[in-house]
Amino acid sequence: MRGITAQHILEDGRLESHEDAVTRLLAELDIPELDLFRTRDDLIIEAYSRRGQQIAYSEKQPTGEESAAGVQR
């Protein structure tokens, strides 16, 4: 990475290394850091995918009452 180390700024202003952020993400999602059948990169890809699904935008579907009343989104 050309000698540049990525740092993440936490909510309280502290800095966290990218490696520490990845380790924290794995722990939050209960994904083990070591696996006999997958590489660490595979585990990280799974973590990113799962977190992406959790935070991805999705439109709220109207409930039956909202649809009947003609409520607009």
N, C-alpha and C. Protein backbone atom coordinates (compact mmCIF):
# COMPACT_ATOMS: atom_id res chain seq x y z
N MET A 1 0.82 -1.18 0.00
CA MET A 1 0.00 0.00 0.00
C MET A 1 0.86 1.25 0.00
N ARG A 2 2.00 1.20 -0.55
CA ARG A 2 2.87 2.36 -0.72
C ARG A 2 3.24 3.05 0.58
N GLY A 3 3.27 2.30 1.68
CA GLY A 3 3.71 2.86 2.94
C GLY A 3 2.69 3.71 3.67
N ILE A 4 1.46 3.72 3.19
CA ILE A 4 0.41 4.50 3.84
C ILE A 4 -0.45 3.56 4.67
N THR A 5 -0.66 3.92 5.93
CA THR A 5 -1.48 3.10 6.81
C THR A 5 -2.84 3.76 6.99
N ALA A 6 -3.89 3.01 6.69
CA ALA A 6 -5.25 3.55 6.84
C ALA A 6 -5.63 3.57 8.31
N GLN A 7 -6.24 4.66 8.72
CA GLN A 7 -6.74 4.82 10.08
C GLN A 7 -8.22 5.19 10.00
N HIS A 8 -9.01 4.67 10.93
CA HIS A 8 -10.42 4.99 11.00
C HIS A 8 -10.64 5.90 12.20
N ILE A 9 -11.44 6.94 12.01
CA ILE A 9 -11.76 7.85 13.11
C ILE A 9 -13.03 7.33 13.76
N LEU A 10 -12.94 6.99 15.04
CA LEU A 10 -14.08 6.46 15.77
C LEU A 10 -14.98 7.59 16.25
N GLU A 11 -16.15 7.24 16.68
CA GLU A 11 -17.15 8.21 17.12
C GLU A 11 -16.62 9.14 18.21
N ASP A 12 -15.76 8.59 19.09
CA ASP A 12 -15.24 9.40 20.19
C ASP A 12 -13.95 10.16 19.82
N GLY A 13 -13.56 10.08 18.54
CA GLY A 13 -12.40 10.81 18.07
C GLY A 13 -11.10 10.01 18.07
N ARG A 14 -11.11 8.84 18.70
CA ARG A 14 -9.90 8.00 18.69
C ARG A 14 -9.67 7.44 17.29
N LEU A 15 -8.40 7.11 17.03
CA LEU A 15 -8.04 6.48 15.76
C LEU A 15 -7.92 4.99 15.96
N GLU A 16 -8.30 4.24 14.93
CA GLU A 16 -8.22 2.79 14.97
C GLU A 16 -7.59 2.33 13.66
N SER A 17 -6.61 1.44 13.75
CA SER A 17 -5.99 0.94 12.53
C SER A 17 -7.01 0.13 11.74
N HIS A 18 -6.78 0.02 10.44
CA HIS A 18 -7.70 -0.75 9.60
C HIS A 18 -7.73 -2.20 10.07
N GLU A 19 -6.60 -2.75 10.41
CA GLU A 19 -6.55 -4.14 10.88
C GLU A 19 -7.39 -4.32 12.14
N ASP A 20 -7.31 -3.37 13.07
CA ASP A 20 -8.13 -3.44 14.28
C ASP A 20 -9.61 -3.31 13.96
N ALA A 21 -9.96 -2.48 12.97
CA ALA A 21 -11.35 -2.31 12.57
C ALA A 21 -11.90 -3.61 11.98
N VAL A 22 -11.10 -4.28 11.17
CA VAL A 22 -11.52 -5.55 10.58
C VAL A 22 -11.70 -6.60 11.68
N THR A 23 -10.77 -6.66 12.61
CA THR A 23 -10.87 -7.61 13.72
C THR A 23 -12.13 -7.34 14.54
N ARG A 24 -12.44 -6.07 14.77
CA ARG A 24 -13.65 -5.71 15.52
C ARG A 24 -14.90 -6.11 14.75
N LEU A 25 -14.91 -5.89 13.43
CA LEU A 25 -16.05 -6.27 12.61
C LEU A 25 -16.29 -7.77 12.66
N LEU A 26 -15.22 -8.55 12.53
CA LEU A 26 -15.36 -10.01 12.62
C LEU A 26 -15.98 -10.42 13.96
N ALA A 27 -15.52 -9.81 15.03
CA ALA A 27 -16.04 -10.13 16.36
C ALA A 27 -17.50 -9.74 16.49
N GLU A 28 -17.86 -8.55 16.01
CA GLU A 28 -19.26 -8.08 16.08
C GLU A 28 -20.21 -9.01 15.35
N LEU A 29 -19.74 -9.62 14.27
CA LEU A 29 -20.58 -10.50 13.46
C LEU A 29 -20.42 -11.97 13.84
N ASP A 30 -19.66 -12.24 14.89
CA ASP A 30 -19.39 -13.61 15.35
C ASP A 30 -18.80 -14.49 14.25
N ILE A 31 -17.91 -13.90 13.47
CA ILE A 31 -17.18 -14.64 12.45
C ILE A 31 -15.80 -14.93 13.02
N PRO A 32 -15.38 -16.19 13.03
CA PRO A 32 -14.07 -16.49 13.61
C PRO A 32 -12.94 -15.86 12.80
N GLU A 33 -11.85 -15.56 13.48
CA GLU A 33 -10.70 -14.99 12.77
C GLU A 33 -9.91 -16.07 12.04
N LEU A 34 -10.03 -17.29 12.50
CA LEU A 34 -9.35 -18.43 11.87
C LEU A 34 -10.37 -19.50 11.53
N ASP A 35 -10.19 -20.12 10.37
CA ASP A 35 -11.10 -21.16 9.92
C ASP A 35 -10.26 -22.18 9.14
N LEU A 36 -10.52 -23.45 9.36
CA LEU A 36 -9.75 -24.48 8.68
C LEU A 36 -9.99 -24.52 7.17
N PHE A 37 -11.16 -24.06 6.74
CA PHE A 37 -11.54 -24.22 5.35
C PHE A 37 -11.58 -22.93 4.55
N ARG A 38 -11.42 -21.78 5.22
CA ARG A 38 -11.46 -20.49 4.52
C ARG A 38 -10.28 -19.64 4.96
N THR A 39 -9.79 -18.84 4.04
CA THR A 39 -8.68 -17.95 4.38
C THR A 39 -9.22 -16.75 5.15
N ARG A 40 -8.32 -16.00 5.77
CA ARG A 40 -8.74 -14.79 6.47
C ARG A 40 -9.40 -13.82 5.49
N ASP A 41 -8.88 -13.74 4.28
CA ASP A 41 -9.49 -12.87 3.27
C ASP A 41 -10.93 -13.30 2.98
N ASP A 42 -11.18 -14.61 2.91
CA ASP A 42 -12.54 -15.11 2.70
C ASP A 42 -13.46 -14.69 3.85
N LEU A 43 -12.95 -14.76 5.07
CA LEU A 43 -13.73 -14.38 6.25
C LEU A 43 -14.04 -12.88 6.24
N ILE A 44 -13.07 -12.10 5.81
CA ILE A 44 -13.27 -10.65 5.74
C ILE A 44 -14.30 -10.32 4.66
N ILE A 45 -14.23 -11.00 3.53
CA ILE A 45 -15.21 -10.78 2.46
C ILE A 45 -16.61 -11.10 2.97
N GLU A 46 -16.75 -12.19 3.71
CA GLU A 46 -18.05 -12.53 4.30
C GLU A 46 -18.52 -11.43 5.25
N ALA A 47 -17.62 -10.93 6.08
CA ALA A 47 -17.98 -9.88 7.04
C ALA A 47 -18.44 -8.62 6.31
N TYR A 48 -17.71 -8.21 5.28
CA TYR A 48 -18.10 -7.03 4.51
C TYR A 48 -19.47 -7.24 3.86
N SER A 49 -19.70 -8.41 3.32
CA SER A 49 -20.97 -8.71 2.67
C SER A 49 -22.12 -8.67 3.67
N ARG A 50 -21.93 -9.30 4.82
CA ARG A 50 -22.99 -9.30 5.83
C ARG A 50 -23.26 -7.90 6.36
N ARG A 51 -22.21 -7.13 6.62
CA ARG A 51 -22.42 -5.77 7.10
C ARG A 51 -23.12 -4.92 6.02
N GLY A 52 -22.73 -5.13 4.77
CA GLY A 52 -23.37 -4.41 3.68
C GLY A 52 -24.86 -4.69 3.62
N GLN A 53 -25.26 -5.94 3.82
CA GLN A 53 -26.67 -6.29 3.84
C GLN A 53 -27.40 -5.61 5.00
N GLN A 54 -26.71 -5.48 6.13
CA GLN A 54 -27.32 -4.85 7.30
C GLN A 54 -27.57 -3.36 7.10
N ILE A 55 -26.68 -2.70 6.37
CA ILE A 55 -26.78 -1.24 6.28
C ILE A 55 -27.25 -0.75 4.91
N ALA A 56 -27.50 -1.66 3.99
CA ALA A 56 -27.91 -1.26 2.64
C ALA A 56 -29.26 -0.57 2.65
N TYR A 57 -29.42 0.38 1.76
CA TYR A 57 -30.69 1.09 1.60
C TYR A 57 -31.75 0.13 1.08
N SER A 58 -32.92 0.22 1.62
CA SER A 58 -34.06 -0.49 1.05
C SER A 58 -35.30 0.35 1.30
N GLU A 59 -36.19 0.37 0.31
CA GLU A 59 -37.40 1.14 0.45
C GLU A 59 -38.35 0.44 1.40
N LYS A 60 -38.99 1.23 2.23
CA LYS A 60 -39.97 0.69 3.14
C LYS A 60 -41.21 0.35 2.34
N GLN A 61 -41.72 -0.87 2.51
CA GLN A 61 -42.94 -1.28 1.85
C GLN A 61 -44.12 -0.82 2.70
N PRO A 62 -45.14 -0.25 2.08
CA PRO A 62 -46.29 0.22 2.85
C PRO A 62 -47.03 -0.95 3.49
N THR A 63 -47.52 -0.72 4.69
CA THR A 63 -48.33 -1.74 5.35
C THR A 63 -49.69 -1.77 4.68
N GLY A 64 -50.50 -2.74 5.00
CA GLY A 64 -51.83 -2.85 4.42
C GLY A 64 -52.67 -1.61 4.69
N GLU A 65 -52.58 -1.05 5.90
CA GLU A 65 -53.35 0.15 6.23
C GLU A 65 -52.89 1.35 5.41
N GLU A 66 -51.57 1.50 5.26
CA GLU A 66 -51.05 2.63 4.48
C GLU A 66 -51.46 2.53 3.03
N SER A 67 -51.45 1.32 2.47
CA SER A 67 -51.85 1.12 1.06
C SER A 67 -53.31 1.46 0.88
N ALA A 68 -54.15 1.00 1.81
CA ALA A 68 -55.59 1.24 1.71
C ALA A 68 -55.92 2.72 1.83
N ALA A 69 -55.15 3.44 2.64
CA ALA A 69 -55.42 4.86 2.85
C ALA A 69 -54.80 5.72 1.75
N GLY A 70 -54.02 5.11 0.87
CA GLY A 70 -53.39 5.86 -0.20
C GLY A 70 -52.24 6.74 0.28
N VAL A 71 -51.57 6.33 1.34
CA VAL A 71 -50.45 7.09 1.89
C VAL A 71 -49.30 7.01 0.91
N GLN A 72 -48.72 8.15 0.59
CA GLN A 72 -47.59 8.20 -0.32
C GLN A 72 -46.30 8.14 0.45
N ARG A 73 -45.26 7.53 -0.16
CA ARG A 73 -43.94 7.47 0.47
C ARG A 73 -43.20 8.72 0.25
